[in-house]
């Protein structure tokens, strides 16, 4: 949740109370908008996770560009596995129910894709 009081020395809001998984440095947070904090979460291979902590937190993920060039079948399997792990992590953080028992990885990926939203 974003802070509400300004720091008397900088005039900016103080650093947010980061979630335990946030790896964003205080210096990086210093460039955030006062009412919106961007937390970087864990990496899953080439997948980076993020949370825009605003009135309603928004989770998203990005893929490192160099991971998308000339992929072999093995690279694609690794990327798919990393993407599934990232999607499941985001679902857990967002409080989404995860009925996983007896489900195939393909079904889980399809369902994670259907729940996904695009973000900037």
N, C-alpha and C. Protein backbone atom coordinates (compact mmCIF):
# COMPACT_ATOMS: atom_id res chain seq x y z
N UNK A 1 0.85 -1.17 0.00
CA UNK A 1 0.00 0.00 0.00
C UNK A 1 0.89 1.23 0.00
N UNK A 2 0.64 2.21 -0.85
CA UNK A 2 1.47 3.41 -0.91
C UNK A 2 1.38 4.22 0.38
N UNK A 3 2.47 4.86 0.75
CA UNK A 3 2.46 5.70 1.95
C UNK A 3 1.66 6.98 1.70
N UNK A 4 1.32 7.66 2.78
CA UNK A 4 0.50 8.86 2.64
C UNK A 4 1.21 10.14 3.03
N UNK A 5 2.27 10.06 3.81
CA UNK A 5 2.94 11.28 4.27
C UNK A 5 4.20 11.53 3.46
N UNK A 6 4.51 12.82 3.21
CA UNK A 6 5.73 13.18 2.48
C UNK A 6 6.93 13.18 3.41
N UNK A 7 8.08 12.78 2.87
CA UNK A 7 9.34 12.83 3.59
C UNK A 7 9.76 14.30 3.70
N UNK A 8 10.03 14.81 4.92
CA UNK A 8 10.35 16.23 5.05
C UNK A 8 11.64 16.63 4.33
N UNK A 9 12.58 15.70 4.15
CA UNK A 9 13.84 16.05 3.48
C UNK A 9 13.71 16.08 1.97
N UNK A 10 12.97 15.14 1.40
CA UNK A 10 12.89 15.03 -0.06
C UNK A 10 11.59 15.59 -0.62
N UNK A 11 10.56 15.72 0.22
CA UNK A 11 9.25 16.15 -0.26
C UNK A 11 8.49 15.04 -0.95
N UNK A 12 9.11 13.86 -1.04
CA UNK A 12 8.46 12.70 -1.66
C UNK A 12 7.89 11.80 -0.58
N UNK A 13 6.97 10.98 -0.99
CA UNK A 13 6.44 9.98 -0.07
C UNK A 13 7.56 9.03 0.32
N UNK A 14 7.55 8.54 1.55
CA UNK A 14 8.59 7.59 1.96
C UNK A 14 8.48 6.29 1.18
N UNK A 15 9.54 5.48 1.23
CA UNK A 15 9.54 4.20 0.53
C UNK A 15 8.37 3.35 1.00
N UNK A 16 7.81 2.57 0.08
CA UNK A 16 6.66 1.74 0.47
C UNK A 16 7.11 0.58 1.36
N UNK A 17 6.16 0.04 2.06
CA UNK A 17 6.41 -1.21 2.78
C UNK A 17 6.37 -2.30 1.71
N UNK A 18 7.53 -2.73 1.27
CA UNK A 18 7.60 -3.68 0.18
C UNK A 18 7.17 -5.08 0.63
N UNK A 19 6.56 -5.84 -0.29
CA UNK A 19 6.31 -7.25 0.01
C UNK A 19 7.65 -7.97 0.17
N UNK A 20 7.65 -9.07 0.88
CA UNK A 20 8.90 -9.80 1.15
C UNK A 20 9.62 -10.23 -0.12
N UNK A 21 8.91 -10.41 -1.23
CA UNK A 21 9.52 -10.88 -2.47
C UNK A 21 10.08 -9.75 -3.33
N UNK A 22 9.85 -8.49 -2.96
CA UNK A 22 10.29 -7.35 -3.79
C UNK A 22 11.82 -7.25 -3.81
N UNK A 23 12.39 -7.16 -5.02
CA UNK A 23 13.83 -7.01 -5.18
C UNK A 23 14.19 -5.62 -5.71
N UNK A 24 13.22 -4.72 -5.78
CA UNK A 24 13.46 -3.35 -6.24
C UNK A 24 14.26 -2.61 -5.17
N UNK A 25 15.30 -1.90 -5.59
CA UNK A 25 16.12 -1.16 -4.63
C UNK A 25 15.41 0.13 -4.22
N UNK A 26 15.86 0.70 -3.10
CA UNK A 26 15.29 1.97 -2.63
C UNK A 26 15.52 3.06 -3.68
N UNK A 27 16.68 3.03 -4.35
CA UNK A 27 16.97 4.01 -5.40
C UNK A 27 16.00 3.90 -6.56
N UNK A 28 15.66 2.66 -6.94
CA UNK A 28 14.69 2.47 -8.02
C UNK A 28 13.29 2.92 -7.57
N UNK A 29 12.94 2.64 -6.33
CA UNK A 29 11.64 3.10 -5.82
C UNK A 29 11.57 4.62 -5.76
N UNK A 30 12.71 5.29 -5.62
CA UNK A 30 12.72 6.75 -5.54
C UNK A 30 12.17 7.40 -6.81
N UNK A 31 12.19 6.66 -7.92
CA UNK A 31 11.69 7.21 -9.18
C UNK A 31 10.22 6.87 -9.41
N UNK A 32 9.62 6.09 -8.52
CA UNK A 32 8.21 5.73 -8.66
C UNK A 32 7.32 6.94 -8.41
N UNK A 33 6.14 6.89 -8.99
CA UNK A 33 5.13 7.92 -8.72
C UNK A 33 4.71 7.81 -7.26
N UNK A 34 4.41 8.92 -6.62
CA UNK A 34 4.05 8.86 -5.19
C UNK A 34 2.87 7.96 -4.86
N UNK A 35 1.92 7.80 -5.77
CA UNK A 35 0.75 6.97 -5.46
C UNK A 35 0.78 5.61 -6.16
N UNK A 36 1.89 5.27 -6.82
CA UNK A 36 2.03 3.99 -7.52
C UNK A 36 3.46 3.51 -7.38
N UNK A 37 3.62 2.35 -6.75
CA UNK A 37 4.94 1.78 -6.55
C UNK A 37 5.08 0.54 -7.40
N UNK A 38 6.20 0.41 -8.12
CA UNK A 38 6.45 -0.75 -8.97
C UNK A 38 7.44 -1.68 -8.27
N UNK A 39 6.96 -2.84 -7.89
CA UNK A 39 7.78 -3.85 -7.22
C UNK A 39 8.20 -4.91 -8.22
N UNK A 40 9.49 -5.19 -8.29
CA UNK A 40 9.94 -6.32 -9.11
C UNK A 40 9.93 -7.56 -8.23
N UNK A 41 9.33 -8.62 -8.75
CA UNK A 41 9.26 -9.86 -8.01
C UNK A 41 10.32 -10.85 -8.47
N UNK A 42 10.14 -12.10 -8.13
CA UNK A 42 11.14 -13.11 -8.51
C UNK A 42 11.19 -13.33 -10.01
N UNK A 43 12.34 -13.85 -10.46
CA UNK A 43 12.51 -14.24 -11.86
C UNK A 43 12.29 -15.74 -11.99
N UNK A 44 11.74 -16.09 -13.11
CA UNK A 44 11.55 -17.50 -13.46
C UNK A 44 12.24 -17.69 -14.80
N UNK A 45 13.52 -18.02 -14.78
CA UNK A 45 14.29 -18.11 -16.01
C UNK A 45 14.32 -16.74 -16.67
N UNK A 46 13.83 -16.67 -17.90
CA UNK A 46 13.83 -15.41 -18.66
C UNK A 46 12.62 -14.53 -18.32
N UNK A 47 11.75 -15.00 -17.43
CA UNK A 47 10.52 -14.28 -17.08
C UNK A 47 10.76 -13.45 -15.82
N UNK A 48 10.44 -12.15 -15.90
CA UNK A 48 10.52 -11.25 -14.74
C UNK A 48 9.10 -10.91 -14.32
N UNK A 49 8.83 -10.94 -13.03
CA UNK A 49 7.49 -10.61 -12.53
C UNK A 49 7.50 -9.23 -11.90
N UNK A 50 6.33 -8.57 -11.94
CA UNK A 50 6.18 -7.20 -11.46
C UNK A 50 4.84 -7.05 -10.77
N UNK A 51 4.77 -6.04 -9.89
CA UNK A 51 3.49 -5.66 -9.31
C UNK A 51 3.44 -4.14 -9.21
N UNK A 52 2.44 -3.55 -9.83
CA UNK A 52 2.19 -2.13 -9.69
C UNK A 52 1.25 -1.99 -8.50
N UNK A 53 1.82 -1.50 -7.39
CA UNK A 53 1.06 -1.35 -6.14
C UNK A 53 0.36 -0.01 -6.18
N UNK A 54 -0.90 -0.05 -6.51
CA UNK A 54 -1.71 1.15 -6.68
C UNK A 54 -2.97 0.91 -5.85
N UNK A 55 -4.05 1.57 -6.15
CA UNK A 55 -5.30 1.33 -5.42
C UNK A 55 -5.67 -0.15 -5.47
N UNK A 56 -5.53 -0.74 -6.64
CA UNK A 56 -5.73 -2.18 -6.83
C UNK A 56 -4.44 -2.73 -7.44
N UNK A 57 -3.66 -3.57 -6.72
CA UNK A 57 -2.39 -4.07 -7.27
C UNK A 57 -2.59 -4.80 -8.59
N UNK A 58 -1.66 -4.56 -9.53
CA UNK A 58 -1.71 -5.19 -10.85
C UNK A 58 -0.41 -5.97 -11.04
N UNK A 59 -0.54 -7.28 -11.22
CA UNK A 59 0.62 -8.13 -11.46
C UNK A 59 0.81 -8.34 -12.95
N UNK A 60 2.07 -8.42 -13.37
CA UNK A 60 2.38 -8.68 -14.76
C UNK A 60 3.74 -9.36 -14.85
N UNK A 61 4.13 -9.70 -16.06
CA UNK A 61 5.43 -10.33 -16.30
C UNK A 61 5.98 -9.85 -17.63
N UNK A 62 7.30 -9.86 -17.73
CA UNK A 62 7.97 -9.54 -18.99
C UNK A 62 8.97 -10.65 -19.29
N UNK A 63 9.33 -10.77 -20.56
CA UNK A 63 10.31 -11.77 -20.99
C UNK A 63 11.53 -11.02 -21.49
N UNK A 64 12.72 -11.47 -21.08
CA UNK A 64 13.96 -10.88 -21.58
C UNK A 64 14.02 -11.08 -23.10
N UNK A 65 14.25 -10.01 -23.84
CA UNK A 65 14.25 -10.06 -25.30
C UNK A 65 15.20 -11.10 -25.88
N UNK A 66 16.40 -11.21 -25.31
CA UNK A 66 17.38 -12.15 -25.87
C UNK A 66 16.94 -13.60 -25.71
N UNK A 67 15.99 -13.87 -24.82
CA UNK A 67 15.50 -15.23 -24.64
C UNK A 67 14.56 -15.66 -25.77
N UNK A 68 14.16 -14.72 -26.62
CA UNK A 68 13.18 -15.03 -27.66
C UNK A 68 13.78 -15.23 -29.04
N UNK A 69 15.10 -15.28 -29.14
CA UNK A 69 15.75 -15.42 -30.45
C UNK A 69 16.14 -16.87 -30.71
N UNK A 70 15.79 -17.37 -31.89
CA UNK A 70 16.21 -18.70 -32.35
C UNK A 70 16.05 -19.77 -31.28
N UNK A 71 14.84 -20.08 -30.93
CA UNK A 71 14.56 -21.03 -29.87
C UNK A 71 14.53 -22.47 -30.40
N UNK A 72 15.21 -23.35 -29.70
CA UNK A 72 15.13 -24.78 -30.00
C UNK A 72 13.91 -25.34 -29.28
N UNK A 73 13.59 -26.59 -29.54
CA UNK A 73 12.47 -27.22 -28.85
C UNK A 73 12.72 -27.23 -27.34
N UNK A 74 13.95 -27.49 -26.93
CA UNK A 74 14.28 -27.47 -25.50
C UNK A 74 14.12 -26.09 -24.89
N UNK A 75 14.55 -25.06 -25.64
CA UNK A 75 14.39 -23.68 -25.17
C UNK A 75 12.90 -23.35 -25.00
N UNK A 76 12.08 -23.79 -25.95
CA UNK A 76 10.64 -23.54 -25.87
C UNK A 76 10.02 -24.23 -24.66
N UNK A 77 10.45 -25.47 -24.39
CA UNK A 77 9.93 -26.18 -23.22
C UNK A 77 10.31 -25.46 -21.94
N UNK A 78 11.57 -25.00 -21.86
CA UNK A 78 12.02 -24.26 -20.66
C UNK A 78 11.22 -22.97 -20.50
N UNK A 79 11.04 -22.24 -21.60
CA UNK A 79 10.29 -20.99 -21.55
C UNK A 79 8.84 -21.24 -21.14
N UNK A 80 8.23 -22.31 -21.67
CA UNK A 80 6.86 -22.64 -21.30
C UNK A 80 6.77 -22.99 -19.81
N UNK A 81 7.72 -23.76 -19.32
CA UNK A 81 7.74 -24.11 -17.89
C UNK A 81 7.93 -22.88 -17.03
N UNK A 82 8.86 -22.01 -17.43
CA UNK A 82 9.09 -20.77 -16.68
C UNK A 82 7.85 -19.89 -16.68
N UNK A 83 7.18 -19.81 -17.84
CA UNK A 83 5.97 -19.00 -17.95
C UNK A 83 4.87 -19.55 -17.05
N UNK A 84 4.71 -20.86 -17.01
CA UNK A 84 3.70 -21.47 -16.15
C UNK A 84 4.02 -21.18 -14.68
N UNK A 85 5.27 -21.35 -14.28
CA UNK A 85 5.65 -21.07 -12.89
C UNK A 85 5.38 -19.62 -12.54
N UNK A 86 5.71 -18.70 -13.44
CA UNK A 86 5.46 -17.27 -13.20
C UNK A 86 3.96 -17.00 -13.09
N UNK A 87 3.17 -17.60 -13.97
CA UNK A 87 1.72 -17.40 -13.94
C UNK A 87 1.12 -17.92 -12.63
N UNK A 88 1.58 -19.07 -12.19
CA UNK A 88 1.07 -19.63 -10.94
C UNK A 88 1.49 -18.77 -9.75
N UNK A 89 2.72 -18.24 -9.78
CA UNK A 89 3.18 -17.35 -8.70
C UNK A 89 2.31 -16.10 -8.67
N UNK A 90 2.05 -15.51 -9.84
CA UNK A 90 1.20 -14.31 -9.90
C UNK A 90 -0.19 -14.63 -9.38
N UNK A 91 -0.75 -15.77 -9.78
CA UNK A 91 -2.07 -16.16 -9.29
C UNK A 91 -2.08 -16.26 -7.76
N UNK A 92 -1.04 -16.87 -7.18
CA UNK A 92 -0.96 -16.99 -5.72
C UNK A 92 -0.91 -15.62 -5.05
N UNK A 93 -0.08 -14.71 -5.61
CA UNK A 93 0.04 -13.38 -5.03
C UNK A 93 -1.27 -12.61 -5.12
N UNK A 94 -1.99 -12.80 -6.21
CA UNK A 94 -3.25 -12.10 -6.42
C UNK A 94 -4.42 -12.78 -5.71
N UNK A 95 -4.16 -13.92 -5.07
CA UNK A 95 -5.21 -14.61 -4.32
C UNK A 95 -6.14 -15.44 -5.18
N UNK A 96 -5.73 -15.77 -6.40
CA UNK A 96 -6.58 -16.59 -7.28
C UNK A 96 -6.57 -18.04 -6.80
N UNK A 97 -7.71 -18.72 -6.88
CA UNK A 97 -7.75 -20.14 -6.50
C UNK A 97 -6.97 -20.97 -7.51
N UNK A 98 -6.30 -22.00 -7.02
CA UNK A 98 -5.47 -22.84 -7.89
C UNK A 98 -5.84 -24.32 -7.76
N UNK A 99 -6.89 -24.76 -8.41
CA UNK A 99 -7.25 -26.18 -8.37
C UNK A 99 -6.34 -26.97 -9.32
N UNK A 100 -5.21 -27.47 -8.82
CA UNK A 100 -4.20 -28.08 -9.70
C UNK A 100 -4.29 -29.60 -9.78
N UNK A 101 -4.87 -30.26 -8.82
CA UNK A 101 -4.81 -31.72 -8.76
C UNK A 101 -5.39 -32.35 -10.02
N UNK A 102 -4.61 -33.26 -10.61
CA UNK A 102 -5.07 -34.00 -11.77
C UNK A 102 -5.12 -33.20 -13.06
N UNK A 103 -4.53 -32.03 -13.10
CA UNK A 103 -4.57 -31.18 -14.28
C UNK A 103 -3.27 -31.33 -15.07
N UNK A 104 -3.37 -31.32 -16.39
CA UNK A 104 -2.17 -31.39 -17.22
C UNK A 104 -1.52 -30.01 -17.30
N UNK A 105 -0.23 -29.99 -17.58
CA UNK A 105 0.49 -28.72 -17.74
C UNK A 105 -0.12 -27.92 -18.89
N UNK A 106 -0.50 -28.59 -19.96
CA UNK A 106 -1.09 -27.90 -21.10
C UNK A 106 -2.39 -27.20 -20.69
N UNK A 107 -3.23 -27.88 -19.92
CA UNK A 107 -4.47 -27.25 -19.44
C UNK A 107 -4.17 -26.07 -18.54
N UNK A 108 -3.18 -26.21 -17.67
CA UNK A 108 -2.82 -25.11 -16.77
C UNK A 108 -2.33 -23.90 -17.54
N UNK A 109 -1.51 -24.13 -18.57
CA UNK A 109 -1.02 -23.02 -19.39
C UNK A 109 -2.18 -22.34 -20.11
N UNK A 110 -3.06 -23.13 -20.69
CA UNK A 110 -4.22 -22.56 -21.39
C UNK A 110 -5.08 -21.73 -20.44
N UNK A 111 -5.33 -22.25 -19.24
CA UNK A 111 -6.16 -21.52 -18.28
C UNK A 111 -5.46 -20.26 -17.80
N UNK A 112 -4.14 -20.32 -17.57
CA UNK A 112 -3.41 -19.13 -17.15
C UNK A 112 -3.46 -18.08 -18.25
N UNK A 113 -3.36 -18.52 -19.50
CA UNK A 113 -3.45 -17.59 -20.63
C UNK A 113 -4.83 -16.94 -20.70
N UNK A 114 -5.86 -17.72 -20.48
CA UNK A 114 -7.23 -17.18 -20.53
C UNK A 114 -7.47 -16.16 -19.42
N UNK A 115 -6.83 -16.33 -18.24
CA UNK A 115 -7.00 -15.39 -17.13
C UNK A 115 -6.15 -14.15 -17.29
N UNK A 116 -5.13 -14.24 -18.13
CA UNK A 116 -4.17 -13.15 -18.25
C UNK A 116 -4.80 -11.90 -18.85
N UNK A 117 -4.23 -10.78 -18.47
CA UNK A 117 -4.62 -9.50 -19.07
C UNK A 117 -3.36 -8.83 -19.58
N UNK A 118 -3.51 -8.02 -20.60
CA UNK A 118 -2.36 -7.28 -21.12
C UNK A 118 -2.12 -6.07 -20.26
N UNK A 119 -0.83 -5.75 -20.07
CA UNK A 119 -0.48 -4.53 -19.34
C UNK A 119 0.63 -3.82 -20.07
N UNK A 120 0.77 -2.56 -19.78
CA UNK A 120 1.80 -1.76 -20.45
C UNK A 120 3.15 -2.05 -19.86
